[in-house]
Amino acid sequence: MIFRKKHILTTIFLALFSTSVFASDFCDGFKRGYIAGYKQAKGTSLPPLPPLCPLKPLKGFGDPESDYEFGYTIGFKKGLTAR
């Protein structure tokens, strides 16, 4: 019984850790893309504080393969429309 609980906890930990690794690439791209889009839209060289990284949406046809590029694209679009 104890072995089974340890196995379940280990599985949950690995699942959470593996998604956080992929989310970090997406979030890094999102932050850099947001800053680039904001700077372009506002015509400034001062970087803004980017918002919290959103949940990674499902990729569709024509989206970049890389999670970093996917996050950058989404962040750039949000940065262009920031107030």
Protein backbone atom coordinates (compact mmCIF):
# COMPACT_ATOMS: atom_id res chain seq x y z
CA MET A 1 0.00 0.00 0.00
CA ILE A 2 2.82 2.42 0.85
CA PHE A 3 4.59 1.56 -2.41
CA ARG A 4 1.47 2.42 -4.35
CA LYS A 5 1.16 5.86 -2.69
CA LYS A 6 4.81 6.62 -3.42
CA HIS A 7 4.33 5.54 -7.02
CA ILE A 8 1.30 7.80 -7.43
CA LEU A 9 3.09 10.77 -5.83
CA THR A 10 6.14 10.22 -8.02
CA THR A 11 3.98 10.08 -11.14
CA ILE A 12 2.19 13.30 -10.21
CA PHE A 13 5.50 15.07 -9.49
CA LEU A 14 6.99 13.99 -12.82
CA ALA A 15 3.90 15.10 -14.72
CA LEU A 16 3.98 18.54 -13.12
CA PHE A 17 7.73 18.90 -13.62
CA SER A 18 7.60 17.91 -17.29
CA THR A 19 4.86 20.44 -18.08
CA SER A 20 6.73 23.20 -16.28
CA VAL A 21 9.81 22.56 -18.43
CA PHE A 22 7.79 23.05 -21.61
CA ALA A 23 5.90 25.99 -20.15
CA SER A 24 9.13 27.78 -19.34
CA ASP A 25 10.16 27.88 -23.03
CA PHE A 26 6.73 29.18 -23.95
CA CYS A 27 6.79 31.79 -21.17
CA ASP A 28 10.31 32.95 -22.01
CA GLY A 29 9.23 33.49 -25.61
CA PHE A 30 6.02 35.21 -24.50
CA LYS A 31 7.90 37.70 -22.30
CA ARG A 32 10.45 38.57 -24.98
CA GLY A 33 7.77 38.82 -27.65
CA TYR A 34 5.60 41.07 -25.49
CA ILE A 35 8.50 43.42 -24.83
CA ALA A 36 9.42 43.57 -28.54
CA GLY A 37 5.81 44.19 -29.60
CA TYR A 38 5.30 46.84 -26.94
CA LYS A 39 8.49 48.68 -27.89
CA GLN A 40 7.52 48.64 -31.56
CA ALA A 41 3.96 49.83 -30.95
CA LYS A 42 4.94 52.62 -28.56
CA GLY A 43 8.12 53.66 -30.35
CA THR A 44 10.15 53.45 -27.15
CA SER A 45 13.31 51.72 -26.05
CA LEU A 46 12.16 51.31 -22.44
CA PRO A 47 11.03 47.74 -21.76
CA PRO A 48 7.67 47.36 -20.01
CA LEU A 49 6.86 44.87 -17.30
CA PRO A 50 5.31 41.97 -19.20
CA PRO A 51 2.08 40.48 -17.86
CA LEU A 52 1.95 37.02 -16.38
CA CYS A 53 2.41 34.27 -18.89
CA PRO A 54 -0.93 32.87 -20.08
CA LEU A 55 -1.70 29.19 -20.32
CA LYS A 56 -0.20 27.75 -23.45
CA PRO A 57 -2.95 27.35 -26.05
CA LEU A 58 -3.14 24.38 -28.36
CA LYS A 59 -1.14 24.78 -31.53
CA GLY A 60 -3.00 24.99 -34.78
CA PHE A 61 -2.04 24.62 -38.40
CA GLY A 62 0.70 27.06 -39.32
CA ASP A 63 1.90 27.70 -35.76
CA PRO A 64 5.64 27.47 -35.07
CA GLU A 65 7.04 24.09 -34.00
CA SER A 66 9.13 25.57 -31.18
CA ASP A 67 7.37 26.45 -27.92
CA TYR A 68 9.63 29.50 -27.59
CA GLU A 69 8.64 30.81 -31.03
CA PHE A 70 4.98 30.05 -30.33
CA GLY A 71 5.14 32.05 -27.10
CA TYR A 72 7.06 34.86 -28.80
CA THR A 73 4.40 35.18 -31.51
CA ILE A 74 1.57 35.34 -28.98
CA GLY A 75 3.48 37.78 -26.76
CA PHE A 76 4.38 40.02 -29.70
CA LYS A 77 0.73 40.31 -30.75
CA LYS A 78 -0.32 41.15 -27.17
CA GLY A 79 2.49 43.69 -26.89
CA LEU A 80 1.36 45.45 -30.05
CA THR A 81 -2.13 45.94 -28.62
CA ALA A 82 -1.05 46.87 -25.06
CA ARG A 83 -2.26 50.14 -23.66
